[in-house]
Amino acid sequence: MVELHSEPTLHTALLQFIFPFSIKPGQDKELIASLQKDGFTRFFLDNKELENAYYGEGYCVSHEKMERSYLPFAAHVLFPREKDSDSFRRFSRVNDLPCRLEMLFESVNFRILSTDVFLCPFELGFLTIRVAIEEKNLPFSTVLEFADRFRTLEDVCYQDKHAFIHCQEKSFGRVEDFVFKNLVSGLEPFLDPAEIDGAYFETLPFFVDERMLVQAFYGFNREEELDEISVELRYRASQLDGLTIDGKPFTSASDPEYIEQYTREHCYSRWGRTPII
């Protein structure tokens, strides 16, 4: 176990929670109309005014560099010029919504920056929720615990049942209710329930273990002389190993050789070290 007071702390935590889903057959046009009615805007690369609209204060995503990140034969599908149903159609909305996640041992203030809904070929879709933690010097384990609780749409463990989201004088006992009854309330009627036919407990289609996928950027405080992020911290970040029910940091594997092997195989270390010239 690692004590919280000895852990590295963060000055920045930006997270994206991604929910893949199936769209009811033939409902994409109705879904688009519903999204636009709810304030979502169609995303096009040539609209450069959107470069700093969705990512939080001080952050900008270059549309030109975004296009150049992909091979030319894929760019026209990912970033179409026209409203092509055989492409990735992105609809985005700024939320700027201050919220608080109450967990077993502490609460974390956060802000919903924006949401995206991607409509893809073959009646597939993705919901993306961008979140910024509005706390300074939070222990790394607390942020991992936040991510693990927020990504869990349906309560599946003790910690989930004791997590609550407070937002605009409303409280939500399940992330599912916060997302589909408050954040993107018009999306749920278009989800295709065929994927869960025959399931005993799942109530939402097309994702694994009732959890969203997570992408995150963590900024560690330099004054703590963190020369290198340890193998254990990198492994815990990949697994979102936050806190136990006793409020202590934990690692979901105990074999050091396995942790080393997993981290070596999955880490992208191109910019892991800064050369000294």
Protein backbone atom coordinates (compact mmCIF):
# COMPACT_ATOMS: atom_id res chain seq x y z
CA MET A 1 0.00 0.00 0.00
CA VAL A 2 1.08 3.57 -0.71
CA GLU A 3 0.07 6.25 1.78
CA LEU A 4 -1.82 9.19 0.33
CA HIS A 5 0.49 11.77 1.89
CA SER A 6 3.51 10.15 0.17
CA GLU A 7 1.90 9.98 -3.26
CA PRO A 8 2.59 12.46 -6.05
CA THR A 9 -0.08 15.12 -6.46
CA LEU A 10 -1.53 16.66 -9.60
CA HIS A 11 -1.92 20.25 -10.72
CA THR A 12 -4.03 19.25 -13.76
CA ALA A 13 -6.36 16.37 -14.58
CA LEU A 14 -8.27 16.36 -17.88
CA LEU A 15 -10.37 13.30 -18.71
CA GLN A 16 -12.51 12.05 -21.57
CA PHE A 17 -15.15 9.41 -20.96
CA ILE A 18 -16.27 7.53 -24.06
CA PHE A 19 -19.50 5.55 -24.41
CA PRO A 20 -19.93 3.46 -27.59
CA PHE A 21 -23.49 2.58 -28.55
CA SER A 22 -25.71 1.18 -31.29
CA ILE A 23 -28.30 3.41 -32.95
CA LYS A 24 -31.77 2.10 -33.70
CA PRO A 25 -31.97 1.23 -37.41
CA GLY A 26 -33.12 4.13 -39.55
CA GLN A 27 -33.11 6.62 -36.66
CA ASP A 28 -29.98 8.64 -37.45
CA LYS A 29 -31.82 11.56 -39.08
CA GLU A 30 -34.20 11.83 -36.15
CA LEU A 31 -31.25 11.68 -33.76
CA ILE A 32 -29.47 14.48 -35.63
CA ALA A 33 -32.57 16.66 -35.42
CA SER A 34 -32.83 15.95 -31.69
CA LEU A 35 -29.16 16.80 -31.10
CA GLN A 36 -29.41 20.08 -32.97
CA LYS A 37 -32.55 20.98 -31.04
CA ASP A 38 -30.59 20.37 -27.82
CA GLY A 39 -27.83 22.79 -28.85
CA PHE A 40 -25.30 20.48 -30.50
CA THR A 41 -23.38 21.96 -33.43
CA ARG A 42 -22.10 20.00 -36.43
CA PHE A 43 -18.30 19.92 -36.38
CA PHE A 44 -16.35 20.81 -39.55
CA LEU A 45 -12.59 21.30 -39.77
CA ASP A 46 -12.89 24.50 -41.78
CA ASN A 47 -14.70 26.17 -38.89
CA LYS A 48 -11.54 27.22 -37.04
CA GLU A 49 -13.55 29.20 -34.51
CA LEU A 50 -14.17 25.85 -32.82
CA GLU A 51 -10.48 25.18 -32.15
CA ASN A 52 -10.70 26.44 -28.57
CA ALA A 53 -14.42 26.02 -27.99
CA TYR A 54 -14.70 22.58 -26.38
CA TYR A 55 -11.50 21.78 -24.50
CA GLY A 56 -11.41 24.10 -21.51
CA GLU A 57 -9.87 27.48 -20.82
CA GLY A 58 -6.35 27.78 -22.16
CA TYR A 59 -6.56 24.70 -24.41
CA CYS A 60 -6.74 24.70 -28.19
CA VAL A 61 -6.86 21.88 -30.76
CA SER A 62 -5.52 22.83 -34.18
CA HIS A 63 -7.86 21.69 -36.94
CA GLU A 64 -5.00 21.77 -39.44
CA LYS A 65 -2.82 19.49 -37.32
CA MET A 66 -5.80 17.27 -36.59
CA GLU A 67 -6.32 16.65 -40.29
CA ARG A 68 -2.61 15.96 -40.85
CA SER A 69 -2.59 13.33 -38.10
CA TYR A 70 -4.39 10.90 -40.41
CA LEU A 71 -3.63 9.41 -43.80
CA PRO A 72 -5.25 11.32 -46.70
CA PHE A 73 -7.55 8.46 -47.67
CA ALA A 74 -8.97 8.36 -44.11
CA ALA A 75 -9.29 12.11 -43.49
CA HIS A 76 -12.33 12.58 -45.73
CA VAL A 77 -14.19 9.91 -43.73
CA LEU A 78 -13.18 11.24 -40.31
CA PHE A 79 -13.60 14.91 -41.24
CA PRO A 80 -16.08 15.10 -44.14
CA ARG A 81 -16.81 18.36 -45.92
CA GLU A 82 -20.42 17.44 -46.60
CA LYS A 83 -23.14 15.82 -44.50
CA ASP A 84 -22.23 12.35 -45.69
CA SER A 85 -24.00 9.46 -43.95
CA ASP A 86 -21.03 7.17 -44.71
CA SER A 87 -18.64 9.23 -42.63
CA PHE A 88 -17.99 10.13 -39.00
CA ARG A 89 -20.43 12.93 -38.18
CA ARG A 90 -19.51 14.82 -35.04
CA PHE A 91 -21.93 17.00 -33.08
CA SER A 92 -20.54 18.98 -30.14
CA ARG A 93 -21.91 21.18 -27.37
CA VAL A 94 -20.23 23.34 -24.74
CA ASN A 95 -21.51 22.55 -21.25
CA ASP A 96 -19.23 24.45 -18.82
CA LEU A 97 -21.11 22.74 -16.01
CA PRO A 98 -19.68 22.82 -12.45
CA CYS A 99 -20.36 19.62 -10.52
CA ARG A 100 -19.16 17.65 -7.52
CA LEU A 101 -18.59 13.92 -7.12
CA GLU A 102 -19.15 12.74 -3.57
CA MET A 103 -17.27 9.52 -2.82
CA LEU A 104 -16.77 7.42 0.29
CA PHE A 105 -13.93 9.47 1.77
CA GLU A 106 -13.98 12.83 0.04
CA SER A 107 -15.62 14.97 -2.61
CA VAL A 108 -14.03 16.22 -5.81
CA ASN A 109 -15.15 19.34 -7.67
CA PHE A 110 -15.11 18.97 -11.43
CA ARG A 111 -16.46 20.66 -14.55
CA ILE A 112 -18.14 19.12 -17.56
CA LEU A 113 -16.40 21.02 -20.35
CA SER A 114 -18.27 19.69 -23.37
CA THR A 115 -19.91 16.66 -24.93
CA ASP A 116 -19.63 15.12 -28.39
CA VAL A 117 -21.90 12.68 -30.16
CA PHE A 118 -20.32 10.87 -33.11
CA LEU A 119 -22.58 9.14 -35.61
CA CYS A 120 -20.68 6.53 -37.60
CA PRO A 121 -21.41 4.08 -40.40
CA PHE A 122 -23.16 0.79 -39.60
CA GLU A 123 -25.47 2.50 -37.07
CA LEU A 124 -22.73 2.95 -34.49
CA GLY A 125 -22.15 5.97 -32.30
CA PHE A 126 -19.89 7.37 -29.60
CA LEU A 127 -20.64 9.76 -26.79
CA THR A 128 -17.64 11.68 -25.44
CA ILE A 129 -17.75 13.62 -22.17
CA ARG A 130 -14.84 15.99 -21.43
CA VAL A 131 -14.14 16.62 -17.77
CA ALA A 132 -11.67 18.84 -15.92
CA ILE A 133 -10.89 18.32 -12.23
CA GLU A 134 -11.18 21.67 -10.44
CA GLU A 135 -8.98 20.79 -7.49
CA LYS A 136 -5.29 21.49 -7.00
CA ASN A 137 -2.77 19.14 -5.38
CA LEU A 138 -5.06 16.13 -5.31
CA PRO A 139 -3.29 12.81 -4.63
CA PHE A 140 -2.96 10.66 -7.73
CA SER A 141 -5.07 7.87 -6.18
CA THR A 142 -7.96 10.24 -5.56
CA VAL A 143 -8.05 11.25 -9.23
CA LEU A 144 -7.88 7.58 -10.31
CA GLU A 145 -10.76 6.84 -7.94
CA PHE A 146 -12.73 9.73 -9.44
CA ALA A 147 -12.19 8.36 -12.94
CA ASP A 148 -13.19 4.85 -11.91
CA ARG A 149 -16.37 6.02 -10.20
CA PHE A 150 -17.41 8.40 -12.99
CA ARG A 151 -16.91 5.87 -15.78
CA THR A 152 -19.19 3.32 -14.07
CA LEU A 153 -22.64 4.00 -15.48
CA GLU A 154 -24.45 1.40 -13.38
CA ASP A 155 -23.65 0.60 -9.75
CA VAL A 156 -21.71 -2.65 -9.64
CA CYS A 157 -19.74 -2.44 -6.37
CA TYR A 158 -19.84 -0.98 -2.86
CA GLN A 159 -17.98 2.21 -3.86
CA ASP A 160 -20.43 2.85 -6.73
CA LYS A 161 -23.42 2.66 -4.40
CA HIS A 162 -21.86 5.34 -2.19
CA ALA A 163 -20.96 7.75 -4.98
CA PHE A 164 -23.21 10.71 -5.84
CA ILE A 165 -22.99 13.48 -8.42
CA HIS A 166 -24.27 16.90 -7.35
CA CYS A 167 -24.97 19.36 -10.16
CA GLN A 168 -27.19 22.44 -10.37
CA GLU A 169 -29.09 21.67 -7.17
CA LYS A 170 -29.73 18.10 -8.39
CA SER A 171 -28.23 14.88 -7.05
CA PHE A 172 -27.74 11.63 -8.93
CA GLY A 173 -27.05 8.28 -7.33
CA ARG A 174 -25.98 6.70 -10.62
CA VAL A 175 -23.77 8.09 -13.35
CA GLU A 176 -26.20 6.63 -15.88
CA ASP A 177 -28.95 8.96 -14.61
CA PHE A 178 -26.65 11.97 -14.63
CA VAL A 179 -25.57 11.30 -18.22
CA PHE A 180 -28.83 10.22 -19.86
CA LYS A 181 -31.36 12.19 -17.84
CA ASN A 182 -29.41 15.42 -17.38
CA LEU A 183 -26.35 15.79 -19.59
CA VAL A 184 -27.59 14.32 -22.92
CA SER A 185 -31.22 13.66 -22.12
CA GLY A 186 -32.24 13.24 -25.75
CA LEU A 187 -29.89 10.36 -26.57
CA GLU A 188 -31.29 7.36 -24.69
CA PRO A 189 -34.47 6.91 -26.82
CA PHE A 190 -32.24 6.30 -29.86
CA LEU A 191 -30.08 3.57 -28.30
CA ASP A 192 -30.68 0.16 -29.84
CA PRO A 193 -31.60 -2.30 -27.04
CA ALA A 194 -31.05 -5.33 -29.29
CA GLU A 195 -27.52 -5.75 -27.95
CA ILE A 196 -28.80 -6.63 -24.46
CA ASP A 197 -31.56 -9.06 -25.45
CA GLY A 198 -31.23 -12.04 -23.13
CA ALA A 199 -29.01 -10.25 -20.59
CA TYR A 200 -29.88 -10.62 -16.93
CA PHE A 201 -28.56 -7.38 -15.43
CA GLU A 202 -27.40 -4.95 -18.15
CA THR A 203 -29.78 -2.12 -18.98
CA LEU A 204 -27.65 -0.19 -21.47
CA PRO A 205 -26.40 -1.61 -24.80
CA PHE A 206 -23.02 -1.99 -26.45
CA PHE A 207 -20.41 -1.54 -23.77
CA VAL A 208 -18.44 -3.83 -21.51
CA ASP A 209 -19.15 -4.23 -17.80
CA GLU A 210 -21.31 -1.10 -17.58
CA ARG A 211 -18.28 1.19 -17.83
CA MET A 212 -17.15 3.93 -20.19
CA LEU A 213 -13.72 4.04 -21.77
CA VAL A 214 -11.35 6.64 -20.32
CA GLN A 215 -8.63 8.83 -21.79
CA ALA A 216 -6.77 11.13 -19.42
CA PHE A 217 -4.03 13.73 -19.14
CA TYR A 218 -2.36 14.02 -15.73
CA GLY A 219 -0.04 16.90 -14.83
CA PHE A 220 2.20 16.08 -11.86
CA ASN A 221 3.51 18.77 -9.53
CA ARG A 222 7.21 19.35 -10.18
CA GLU A 223 8.10 20.57 -6.69
CA GLU A 224 7.85 16.98 -5.49
CA GLU A 225 10.95 16.12 -7.55
CA LEU A 226 9.18 13.36 -9.43
CA ASP A 227 12.04 12.48 -11.78
CA GLU A 228 10.20 9.52 -13.24
CA ILE A 229 6.71 8.09 -12.97
CA SER A 230 7.23 4.67 -11.41
CA VAL A 231 6.20 1.43 -13.07
CA GLU A 232 3.59 0.87 -10.35
CA LEU A 233 2.02 4.31 -10.87
CA ARG A 234 1.89 3.77 -14.62
CA TYR A 235 0.25 0.39 -14.15
CA ARG A 236 -2.29 1.82 -11.72
CA ALA A 237 -3.10 4.61 -14.17
CA SER A 238 -3.76 2.06 -16.92
CA GLN A 239 -6.11 0.07 -14.67
CA LEU A 240 -7.66 3.06 -12.81
CA ASP A 241 -6.60 1.51 -9.51
CA GLY A 242 -7.78 4.17 -7.08
CA LEU A 243 -8.76 3.53 -3.46
CA THR A 244 -9.94 0.58 -1.43
CA ILE A 245 -13.14 0.69 0.62
CA ASP A 246 -10.84 1.71 3.50
CA GLY A 247 -9.63 4.73 1.58
CA LYS A 248 -6.13 3.43 0.87
CA PRO A 249 -4.37 3.38 -2.51
CA PHE A 250 -4.22 -0.04 -4.09
CA THR A 251 -2.76 -1.93 -7.02
CA SER A 252 -4.88 -4.61 -8.68
CA ALA A 253 -1.89 -6.90 -9.29
CA SER A 254 0.66 -8.16 -6.78
CA ASP A 255 3.35 -9.73 -8.95
CA PRO A 256 6.11 -7.15 -9.69
CA GLU A 257 7.24 -9.09 -12.76
CA TYR A 258 3.73 -9.06 -14.22
CA ILE A 259 3.37 -5.31 -13.55
CA GLU A 260 6.74 -4.66 -15.20
CA GLN A 261 5.88 -6.82 -18.21
CA TYR A 262 2.41 -5.29 -18.66
CA THR A 263 3.76 -1.76 -18.42
CA ARG A 264 6.60 -2.46 -20.83
CA GLU A 265 4.21 -3.95 -23.41
CA HIS A 266 1.56 -1.22 -23.18
CA CYS A 267 3.46 2.01 -22.51
CA TYR A 268 4.22 4.35 -25.39
CA SER A 269 7.56 5.74 -24.27
CA ARG A 270 8.65 7.86 -27.23
CA TRP A 271 8.55 11.04 -25.14
CA GLY A 272 9.08 9.30 -21.79
CA ARG A 273 12.49 10.84 -21.17
CA THR A 274 14.01 14.20 -22.03
CA PRO A 275 17.57 13.86 -23.38
CA ILE A 276 20.27 15.98 -21.77
CA ILE A 277 22.49 17.68 -24.35
